[in-house]
Amino acid sequence: MKDDQARDTWSVDAGASLQSVLDDPECPPLLHQALTGVLSWQTRNETPVHKALMAPRVTSQWVAALLALGATATVEGEAGPSVLPLHAFLQRRTAGEVSALHIPLPPSLPPVSEGDVREGWGEAHVARTPTDEPIVAAFAIVEMDGSTVRQARLALTGVWPEPARLAEAPARLAGGPLDETSIRAVAEAVEQEVTPRGDFRGSAGYRRAMAGVVTRRALEAAWRQGEGREGREGKEGKQEAGGRMQDVGCRGQGARDE
């Protein structure tokens, strides 16, 4: 990354409410999108950051967005504080309590030349209705260095034993172009990687198929936004899989809902 494209980190106290996180001007668009989904104003006001991390099933979309953003956490352990990747803490690889979150922010300057790093984000989900909790959701961040992917992270909900997890397949995008072919290949790999459990809202087969759909749509949204191509702020569509039709929501523009 060029020196004139400084990347800042936004630190959030673990005692802060989710509503205060949302209200902060530093809140990244992807995180903003996750917090304004199915979480009510009351839930955001009553839920502090540390509680949301310790009980992520209530706030799985928010946790997935944090994972995609590459957040780290300061964990207070017996040997003192240490900074860990959030995904490592969520897998309970270390004991202790989170005292702060650290969230990387997009490059502070827009790209002006071929060598500049730019970032795109995308979110996609399937739900019974627009106001229902998503059955499966994907949150993606893609960093581009010119026409080459520098790194890509994508977290999904609804397709793992835990509420949210980073998928491994998107890492294979690094070093290559981001295009329809590479996105489709990753989406197919994600379908094979996930380990969904069926319930009354969707069978394991349905969730697996939808994991591929939302992965593709989230990465396509990140591609459009990273390339600076204009598109609609949101779109609703229909996608058929497993014999069922569901609403599919997709966002990938930098604008925020007010």
C-alpha atoms as a PDB file:
ATOM      1  CA  MET A   1       0.000   0.000   0.000  1.00  0.00           C
ATOM      2  CA  LYS A   2       1.303   3.440  -0.887  1.00  0.00           C
ATOM      3  CA  ASP A   3       2.336   5.720   1.977  1.00  0.00           C
ATOM      4  CA  ASP A   4      -0.204   8.360   0.957  1.00  0.00           C
ATOM      5  CA  GLN A   5      -3.023   5.846   1.375  1.00  0.00           C
ATOM      6  CA  ALA A   6      -2.835   5.594   5.143  1.00  0.00           C
ATOM      7  CA  ARG A   7      -5.172   3.054   6.714  1.00  0.00           C
ATOM      8  CA  ASP A   8      -6.595   3.891  10.104  1.00  0.00           C
ATOM      9  CA  THR A   9      -8.032   1.635  12.772  1.00  0.00           C
ATOM     10  CA  TRP A  10     -11.183   2.475  14.681  1.00  0.00           C
ATOM     11  CA  SER A  11     -11.123   1.307  18.313  1.00  0.00           C
ATOM     12  CA  VAL A  12     -14.414   0.658  20.121  1.00  0.00           C
ATOM     13  CA  ASP A  13     -14.752   0.143  23.873  1.00  0.00           C
ATOM     14  CA  ALA A  14     -16.368  -3.195  24.715  1.00  0.00           C
ATOM     15  CA  GLY A  15     -18.801  -1.453  27.051  1.00  0.00           C
ATOM     16  CA  ALA A  16     -20.237   0.713  24.292  1.00  0.00           C
ATOM     17  CA  SER A  17     -23.752  -0.058  23.095  1.00  0.00           C
ATOM     18  CA  LEU A  18     -24.340  -1.255  19.553  1.00  0.00           C
ATOM     19  CA  GLN A  19     -26.409   1.891  18.998  1.00  0.00           C
ATOM     20  CA  SER A  20     -23.448   4.104  19.887  1.00  0.00           C
ATOM     21  CA  VAL A  21     -21.324   2.065  17.462  1.00  0.00           C
ATOM     22  CA  LEU A  22     -23.901   2.667  14.748  1.00  0.00           C
ATOM     23  CA  ASP A  23     -24.091   6.401  15.521  1.00  0.00           C
ATOM     24  CA  ASP A  24     -20.330   6.902  15.355  1.00  0.00           C
ATOM     25  CA  PRO A  25     -19.247   8.625  12.090  1.00  0.00           C
ATOM     26  CA  GLU A  26     -16.366   6.147  11.835  1.00  0.00           C
ATOM     27  CA  CYS A  27     -18.736   3.179  11.494  1.00  0.00           C
ATOM     28  CA  PRO A  28     -17.837   1.454   8.177  1.00  0.00           C
ATOM     29  CA  PRO A  29     -20.678   0.988   5.676  1.00  0.00           C
ATOM     30  CA  LEU A  30     -20.597  -2.820   5.928  1.00  0.00           C
ATOM     31  CA  LEU A  31     -20.948  -2.674   9.709  1.00  0.00           C
ATOM     32  CA  HIS A  32     -23.648  -0.033   9.379  1.00  0.00           C
ATOM     33  CA  GLN A  33     -25.556  -2.357   7.067  1.00  0.00           C
ATOM     34  CA  ALA A  34     -25.314  -5.244   9.536  1.00  0.00           C
ATOM     35  CA  LEU A  35     -26.540  -3.146  12.464  1.00  0.00           C
ATOM     36  CA  THR A  36     -29.523  -1.690  10.581  1.00  0.00           C
ATOM     37  CA  GLY A  37     -30.813  -5.057   9.406  1.00  0.00           C
ATOM     38  CA  VAL A  38     -33.039  -7.000  11.789  1.00  0.00           C
ATOM     39  CA  LEU A  39     -31.704  -5.524  15.042  1.00  0.00           C
ATOM     40  CA  SER A  40     -34.194  -3.126  16.590  1.00  0.00           C
ATOM     41  CA  TRP A  41     -33.288   0.240  18.096  1.00  0.00           C
ATOM     42  CA  GLN A  42     -34.105  -1.171  21.539  1.00  0.00           C
ATOM     43  CA  THR A  43     -31.839  -4.198  21.066  1.00  0.00           C
ATOM     44  CA  ARG A  44     -28.977  -2.012  19.876  1.00  0.00           C
ATOM     45  CA  ASN A  45     -29.364   0.290  22.871  1.00  0.00           C
ATOM     46  CA  GLU A  46     -29.545  -2.545  25.392  1.00  0.00           C
ATOM     47  CA  THR A  47     -26.693  -4.652  23.978  1.00  0.00           C
ATOM     48  CA  PRO A  48     -23.071  -3.708  24.714  1.00  0.00           C
ATOM     49  CA  VAL A  49     -20.278  -4.856  22.440  1.00  0.00           C
ATOM     50  CA  HIS A  50     -18.916  -7.464  24.863  1.00  0.00           C
ATOM     51  CA  LYS A  51     -22.349  -9.069  25.296  1.00  0.00           C
ATOM     52  CA  ALA A  52     -22.847  -9.206  21.526  1.00  0.00           C
ATOM     53  CA  LEU A  53     -19.542 -11.050  21.184  1.00  0.00           C
ATOM     54  CA  MET A  54     -20.258 -13.499  24.001  1.00  0.00           C
ATOM     55  CA  ALA A  55     -23.759 -14.281  22.686  1.00  0.00           C
ATOM     56  CA  PRO A  56     -23.274 -13.911  18.915  1.00  0.00           C
ATOM     57  CA  ARG A  57     -26.421 -15.822  17.944  1.00  0.00           C
ATOM     58  CA  VAL A  58     -28.417 -12.694  18.760  1.00  0.00           C
ATOM     59  CA  THR A  59     -26.163 -10.493  16.612  1.00  0.00           C
ATOM     60  CA  SER A  60     -24.743 -12.933  14.062  1.00  0.00           C
ATOM     61  CA  GLN A  61     -24.939 -10.464  11.148  1.00  0.00           C
ATOM     62  CA  TRP A  62     -22.896  -7.908  13.083  1.00  0.00           C
ATOM     63  CA  VAL A  63     -20.295 -10.509  14.059  1.00  0.00           C
ATOM     64  CA  ALA A  64     -20.041 -11.673  10.439  1.00  0.00           C
ATOM     65  CA  ALA A  65     -19.440  -8.090   9.287  1.00  0.00           C
ATOM     66  CA  LEU A  66     -16.682  -7.697  11.897  1.00  0.00           C
ATOM     67  CA  LEU A  67     -15.022 -10.893  10.674  1.00  0.00           C
ATOM     68  CA  ALA A  68     -15.147  -9.726   7.062  1.00  0.00           C
ATOM     69  CA  LEU A  69     -13.632  -6.390   8.065  1.00  0.00           C
ATOM     70  CA  GLY A  70     -10.703  -8.183   9.709  1.00  0.00           C
ATOM     71  CA  ALA A  71     -11.418  -6.885  13.214  1.00  0.00           C
ATOM     72  CA  THR A  72      -9.113  -7.643  16.118  1.00  0.00           C
ATOM     73  CA  ALA A  73      -9.861  -7.615  19.839  1.00  0.00           C
ATOM     74  CA  THR A  74      -7.968  -6.631  22.961  1.00  0.00           C
ATOM     75  CA  VAL A  75      -8.433  -9.551  25.357  1.00  0.00           C
ATOM     76  CA  GLU A  76      -7.719  -9.148  29.050  1.00  0.00           C
ATOM     77  CA  GLY A  77      -6.166 -12.407  30.213  1.00  0.00           C
ATOM     78  CA  GLU A  78      -4.245 -13.625  33.247  1.00  0.00           C
ATOM     79  CA  ALA A  79      -0.947 -12.587  31.648  1.00  0.00           C
ATOM     80  CA  GLY A  80      -2.278  -9.151  30.761  1.00  0.00           C
ATOM     81  CA  PRO A  81      -3.895  -7.677  27.651  1.00  0.00           C
ATOM     82  CA  SER A  82      -3.211  -9.103  24.203  1.00  0.00           C
ATOM     83  CA  VAL A  83      -4.542  -8.260  20.742  1.00  0.00           C
ATOM     84  CA  LEU A  84      -5.959 -11.199  18.795  1.00  0.00           C
ATOM     85  CA  PRO A  85      -7.820 -11.655  15.514  1.00  0.00           C
ATOM     86  CA  LEU A  86     -11.503 -11.664  16.363  1.00  0.00           C
ATOM     87  CA  HIS A  87     -12.037 -15.034  14.693  1.00  0.00           C
ATOM     88  CA  ALA A  88      -9.438 -16.588  17.017  1.00  0.00           C
ATOM     89  CA  PHE A  89     -11.182 -15.201  20.094  1.00  0.00           C
ATOM     90  CA  LEU A  90     -14.589 -16.425  18.911  1.00  0.00           C
ATOM     91  CA  GLN A  91     -13.173 -19.917  18.522  1.00  0.00           C
ATOM     92  CA  ARG A  92     -12.195 -19.661  22.195  1.00  0.00           C
ATOM     93  CA  ARG A  93      -8.521 -20.250  21.550  1.00  0.00           C
ATOM     94  CA  THR A  94      -7.712 -18.079  24.549  1.00  0.00           C
ATOM     95  CA  ALA A  95      -9.343 -17.231  27.855  1.00  0.00           C
ATOM     96  CA  GLY A  96     -10.222 -13.724  28.897  1.00  0.00           C
ATOM     97  CA  GLU A  97     -12.666 -10.894  28.278  1.00  0.00           C
ATOM     98  CA  VAL A  98     -12.704  -8.432  25.404  1.00  0.00           C
ATOM     99  CA  SER A  99     -12.037  -4.857  26.482  1.00  0.00           C
ATOM    100  CA  ALA A 100     -11.944  -3.272  23.014  1.00  0.00           C
ATOM    101  CA  LEU A 101     -12.488  -3.955  19.334  1.00  0.00           C
ATOM    102  CA  HIS A 102     -10.188  -2.634  16.612  1.00  0.00           C
ATOM    103  CA  ILE A 103     -11.719  -2.297  13.173  1.00  0.00           C
ATOM    104  CA  PRO A 104      -9.658  -1.443  10.067  1.00  0.00           C
ATOM    105  CA  LEU A 105     -11.109   1.472   8.127  1.00  0.00           C
ATOM    106  CA  PRO A 106     -11.045   1.846   4.332  1.00  0.00           C
ATOM    107  CA  PRO A 107      -8.071   3.659   2.746  1.00  0.00           C
ATOM    108  CA  SER A 108      -8.240   7.315   3.730  1.00  0.00           C
ATOM    109  CA  LEU A 109      -7.665   8.549   0.187  1.00  0.00           C
ATOM    110  CA  PRO A 110      -9.492   7.451  -2.974  1.00  0.00           C
ATOM    111  CA  PRO A 111      -7.420   5.612  -5.597  1.00  0.00           C
ATOM    112  CA  VAL A 112      -6.038   7.946  -8.243  1.00  0.00           C
ATOM    113  CA  SER A 113      -3.623   5.716 -10.134  1.00  0.00           C
ATOM    114  CA  GLU A 114      -3.249   2.095 -11.200  1.00  0.00           C
ATOM    115  CA  GLY A 115      -1.081   1.146  -8.209  1.00  0.00           C
ATOM    116  CA  ASP A 116      -3.404   2.517  -5.539  1.00  0.00           C
ATOM    117  CA  VAL A 117      -5.263   0.129  -3.267  1.00  0.00           C
ATOM    118  CA  ARG A 118      -9.039   0.329  -3.282  1.00  0.00           C
ATOM    119  CA  GLU A 119     -11.627  -1.578  -1.306  1.00  0.00           C
ATOM    120  CA  GLY A 120     -15.108  -2.831  -2.102  1.00  0.00           C
ATOM    121  CA  TRP A 121     -17.713  -4.324   0.191  1.00  0.00           C
ATOM    122  CA  GLY A 122     -20.816  -6.351  -0.355  1.00  0.00           C
ATOM    123  CA  GLU A 123     -23.617  -7.989   1.606  1.00  0.00           C
ATOM    124  CA  ALA A 124     -26.241 -10.449   0.429  1.00  0.00           C
ATOM    125  CA  HIS A 125     -28.823 -12.565   2.215  1.00  0.00           C
ATOM    126  CA  VAL A 126     -31.905 -14.718   1.849  1.00  0.00           C
ATOM    127  CA  ALA A 127     -34.925 -14.360   4.137  1.00  0.00           C
ATOM    128  CA  ARG A 128     -38.603 -15.238   4.116  1.00  0.00           C
ATOM    129  CA  THR A 129     -39.555 -11.552   4.150  1.00  0.00           C
ATOM    130  CA  PRO A 130     -37.518  -8.316   4.101  1.00  0.00           C
ATOM    131  CA  THR A 131     -38.083  -7.869   7.859  1.00  0.00           C
ATOM    132  CA  ASP A 132     -37.209 -11.445   8.888  1.00  0.00           C
ATOM    133  CA  GLU A 133     -33.820 -12.528  10.185  1.00  0.00           C
ATOM    134  CA  PRO A 134     -31.775 -13.822   7.239  1.00  0.00           C
ATOM    135  CA  ILE A 135     -31.670 -17.575   6.802  1.00  0.00           C
ATOM    136  CA  VAL A 136     -28.241 -17.318   5.171  1.00  0.00           C
ATOM    137  CA  ALA A 137     -26.146 -14.159   4.797  1.00  0.00           C
ATOM    138  CA  ALA A 138     -22.724 -13.236   3.425  1.00  0.00           C
ATOM    139  CA  PHE A 139     -20.533 -10.214   4.156  1.00  0.00           C
ATOM    140  CA  ALA A 140     -17.518  -9.555   1.930  1.00  0.00           C
ATOM    141  CA  ILE A 141     -14.535  -7.210   1.812  1.00  0.00           C
ATOM    142  CA  VAL A 142     -12.186  -7.217  -1.193  1.00  0.00           C
ATOM    143  CA  GLU A 143      -9.002  -5.149  -1.432  1.00  0.00           C
ATOM    144  CA  MET A 144      -7.700  -4.521  -4.950  1.00  0.00           C
ATOM    145  CA  ASP A 145      -4.198  -3.427  -5.952  1.00  0.00           C
ATOM    146  CA  GLY A 146      -4.776  -2.233  -9.486  1.00  0.00           C
ATOM    147  CA  SER A 147      -6.565  -5.117 -11.233  1.00  0.00           C
ATOM    148  CA  THR A 148      -5.247  -7.734  -8.796  1.00  0.00           C
ATOM    149  CA  VAL A 149      -6.940  -8.910  -5.620  1.00  0.00           C
ATOM    150  CA  ARG A 150      -4.759  -8.129  -2.641  1.00  0.00           C
ATOM    151  CA  GLN A 151      -6.936  -9.939  -0.136  1.00  0.00           C
ATOM    152  CA  ALA A 152     -10.534 -11.036   0.241  1.00  0.00           C
ATOM    153  CA  ARG A 153     -12.531 -11.989   3.304  1.00  0.00           C
ATOM    154  CA  LEU A 154     -16.070 -13.318   3.384  1.00  0.00           C
ATOM    155  CA  ALA A 155     -18.060 -14.389   6.440  1.00  0.00           C
ATOM    156  CA  LEU A 156     -21.337 -16.263   6.367  1.00  0.00           C
ATOM    157  CA  THR A 157     -24.170 -16.885   8.800  1.00  0.00           C
ATOM    158  CA  GLY A 158     -26.670 -19.727   8.841  1.00  0.00           C
ATOM    159  CA  VAL A 159     -24.364 -22.371   7.361  1.00  0.00           C
ATOM    160  CA  TRP A 160     -22.053 -23.332  10.247  1.00  0.00           C
ATOM    161  CA  PRO A 161     -22.471 -24.905  13.690  1.00  0.00           C
ATOM    162  CA  GLU A 162     -21.482 -21.483  15.102  1.00  0.00           C
ATOM    163  CA  PRO A 163     -23.450 -18.304  14.305  1.00  0.00           C
ATOM    164  CA  ALA A 164     -20.824 -16.794  11.968  1.00  0.00           C
ATOM    165  CA  ARG A 165     -17.512 -17.872  10.480  1.00  0.00           C
ATOM    166  CA  LEU A 166     -15.021 -16.787   7.852  1.00  0.00           C
ATOM    167  CA  ALA A 167     -14.999 -18.982   4.760  1.00  0.00           C
ATOM    168  CA  GLU A 168     -11.595 -20.194   3.575  1.00  0.00           C
ATOM    169  CA  ALA A 169     -12.359 -20.316  -0.160  1.00  0.00           C
ATOM    170  CA  PRO A 170     -12.267 -16.513  -0.827  1.00  0.00           C
ATOM    171  CA  ALA A 171      -8.571 -16.438   0.137  1.00  0.00           C
ATOM    172  CA  ARG A 172      -7.813 -18.109  -3.200  1.00  0.00           C
ATOM    173  CA  LEU A 173      -8.776 -14.854  -4.948  1.00  0.00           C
ATOM    174  CA  ALA A 174      -5.545 -13.212  -3.747  1.00  0.00           C
ATOM    175  CA  GLY A 175      -3.037 -12.631  -6.521  1.00  0.00           C
ATOM    176  CA  GLY A 176      -5.563 -12.914  -9.337  1.00  0.00           C
ATOM    177  CA  PRO A 177      -8.279 -10.836 -10.986  1.00  0.00           C
ATOM    178  CA  LEU A 178     -11.768 -10.370  -9.601  1.00  0.00           C
ATOM    179  CA  ASP A 179     -14.192 -11.251 -12.360  1.00  0.00           C
ATOM    180  CA  GLU A 180     -17.217 -13.405 -13.069  1.00  0.00           C
ATOM    181  CA  THR A 181     -15.125 -16.545 -13.505  1.00  0.00           C
ATOM    182  CA  SER A 182     -13.175 -16.202 -10.251  1.00  0.00           C
ATOM    183  CA  ILE A 183     -16.280 -15.211  -8.286  1.00  0.00           C
ATOM    184  CA  ARG A 184     -18.245 -18.194  -9.559  1.00  0.00           C
ATOM    185  CA  ALA A 185     -15.379 -20.546  -8.701  1.00  0.00           C
ATOM    186  CA  VAL A 186     -15.260 -19.230  -5.129  1.00  0.00           C
ATOM    187  CA  ALA A 187     -19.037 -19.483  -4.766  1.00  0.00           C
ATOM    188  CA  GLU A 188     -18.926 -23.137  -5.844  1.00  0.00           C
ATOM    189  CA  ALA A 189     -16.075 -23.814  -3.408  1.00  0.00           C
ATOM    190  CA  VAL A 190     -17.997 -22.172  -0.560  1.00  0.00           C
ATOM    191  CA  GLU A 191     -20.953 -24.465  -1.239  1.00  0.00           C
ATOM    192  CA  GLN A 192     -18.654 -27.417  -0.642  1.00  0.00           C
ATOM    193  CA  GLU A 193     -16.966 -25.852   2.382  1.00  0.00           C
ATOM    194  CA  VAL A 194     -19.976 -24.958   4.513  1.00  0.00           C
ATOM    195  CA  THR A 195     -21.445 -27.391   7.042  1.00  0.00           C
ATOM    196  CA  PRO A 196     -25.079 -26.327   7.461  1.00  0.00           C
ATOM    197  CA  ARG A 197     -27.653 -27.876   9.736  1.00  0.00           C
ATOM    198  CA  GLY A 198     -31.243 -27.909   8.613  1.00  0.00           C
ATOM    199  CA  ASP A 199     -34.190 -26.607  10.611  1.00  0.00           C
ATOM    200  CA  PHE A 200     -37.752 -25.428  10.065  1.00  0.00           C
ATOM    201  CA  ARG A 201     -36.516 -22.394   8.103  1.00  0.00           C
ATOM    202  CA  GLY A 202     -34.417 -24.337   5.613  1.00  0.00           C
ATOM    203  CA  SER A 203     -32.939 -27.761   5.024  1.00  0.00           C
ATOM    204  CA  ALA A 204     -29.185 -28.361   5.015  1.00  0.00           C
ATOM    205  CA  GLY A 205     -29.306 -28.702   1.223  1.00  0.00           C
ATOM    206  CA  TYR A 206     -31.163 -25.427   0.827  1.00  0.00           C
ATOM    207  CA  ARG A 207     -28.726 -23.579   3.080  1.00  0.00           C
ATOM    208  CA  ARG A 208     -25.760 -25.024   1.185  1.00  0.00           C
ATOM    209  CA  ALA A 209     -27.192 -23.863  -2.136  1.00  0.00           C
ATOM    210  CA  MET A 210     -27.963 -20.424  -0.741  1.00  0.00           C
ATOM    211  CA  ALA A 211     -24.405 -20.132   0.608  1.00  0.00           C
ATOM    212  CA  GLY A 212     -23.211 -20.203  -2.987  1.00  0.00           C
ATOM    213  CA  VAL A 213     -25.840 -17.689  -4.093  1.00  0.00           C
ATOM    214  CA  VAL A 214     -25.136 -15.092  -1.406  1.00  0.00           C
ATOM    215  CA  THR A 215     -21.362 -15.555  -1.755  1.00  0.00           C
ATOM    216  CA  ARG A 216     -21.572 -14.796  -5.446  1.00  0.00           C
ATOM    217  CA  ARG A 217     -23.842 -11.786  -4.949  1.00  0.00           C
ATOM    218  CA  ALA A 218     -21.782 -10.310  -2.096  1.00  0.00           C
ATOM    219  CA  LEU A 219     -18.551 -10.631  -4.080  1.00  0.00           C
ATOM    220  CA  GLU A 220     -20.185  -9.176  -7.191  1.00  0.00           C
ATOM    221  CA  ALA A 221     -21.373  -6.205  -5.130  1.00  0.00           C
ATOM    222  CA  ALA A 222     -17.859  -5.731  -3.712  1.00  0.00           C
ATOM    223  CA  TRP A 223     -16.459  -5.945  -7.260  1.00  0.00           C
ATOM    224  CA  ARG A 224     -18.831  -3.264  -8.551  1.00  0.00           C
ATOM    225  CA  GLN A 225     -18.163  -0.972  -5.619  1.00  0.00           C
ATOM    226  CA  GLY A 226     -14.398  -1.514  -5.702  1.00  0.00           C
ATOM    227  CA  GLU A 227     -14.320  -0.732  -9.408  1.00  0.00           C
ATOM    228  CA  GLY A 228     -16.256   2.472  -8.778  1.00  0.00           C
ATOM    229  CA  ARG A 229     -19.057   1.370 -11.056  1.00  0.00           C
ATOM    230  CA  GLU A 230     -22.383   2.873 -10.151  1.00  0.00           C
ATOM    231  CA  GLY A 231     -25.262   0.638  -9.286  1.00  0.00           C
ATOM    232  CA  ARG A 232     -28.370   0.659  -7.245  1.00  0.00           C
ATOM    233  CA  GLU A 233     -27.847   0.946  -3.499  1.00  0.00           C
ATOM    234  CA  GLY A 234     -29.900  -2.169  -2.988  1.00  0.00           C
ATOM    235  CA  LYS A 235     -31.839  -4.637  -5.021  1.00  0.00           C
ATOM    236  CA  GLU A 236     -34.410  -7.282  -4.351  1.00  0.00           C
ATOM    237  CA  GLY A 237     -34.636 -10.379  -6.457  1.00  0.00           C
ATOM    238  CA  LYS A 238     -35.817 -13.929  -6.428  1.00  0.00           C
ATOM    239  CA  GLN A 239     -33.597 -16.978  -6.401  1.00  0.00           C
ATOM    240  CA  GLU A 240     -34.766 -20.549  -6.648  1.00  0.00           C
ATOM    241  CA  ALA A 241     -32.949 -23.383  -4.933  1.00  0.00           C
ATOM    242  CA  GLY A 242     -34.030 -26.604  -3.343  1.00  0.00           C
ATOM    243  CA  GLY A 243     -37.541 -26.146  -4.714  1.00  0.00           C
ATOM    244  CA  ARG A 244     -38.161 -22.946  -2.742  1.00  0.00           C
ATOM    245  CA  MET A 245     -38.342 -19.280  -3.683  1.00  0.00           C
ATOM    246  CA  GLN A 246     -36.957 -16.695  -1.308  1.00  0.00           C
ATOM    247  CA  ASP A 247     -36.365 -12.967  -1.272  1.00  0.00           C
ATOM    248  CA  VAL A 248     -32.727 -12.151  -1.909  1.00  0.00           C
ATOM    249  CA  GLY A 249     -31.336  -8.849  -0.666  1.00  0.00           C
ATOM    250  CA  CYS A 250     -28.031  -7.476  -1.840  1.00  0.00           C
ATOM    251  CA  ARG A 251     -26.057  -4.318  -1.036  1.00  0.00           C
ATOM    252  CA  GLY A 252     -22.650  -3.150  -2.093  1.00  0.00           C
ATOM    253  CA  GLN A 253     -22.566   0.593  -2.416  1.00  0.00           C
ATOM    254  CA  GLY A 254     -20.774   2.950  -0.075  1.00  0.00           C
ATOM    255  CA  ALA A 255     -23.890   5.006   0.678  1.00  0.00           C
ATOM    256  CA  ARG A 256     -25.541   4.473   4.037  1.00  0.00           C
ATOM    257  CA  ASP A 257     -29.174   4.290   4.977  1.00  0.00           C
ATOM    258  CA  GLU A 258     -30.234   7.307   6.940  1.00  0.00           C
END
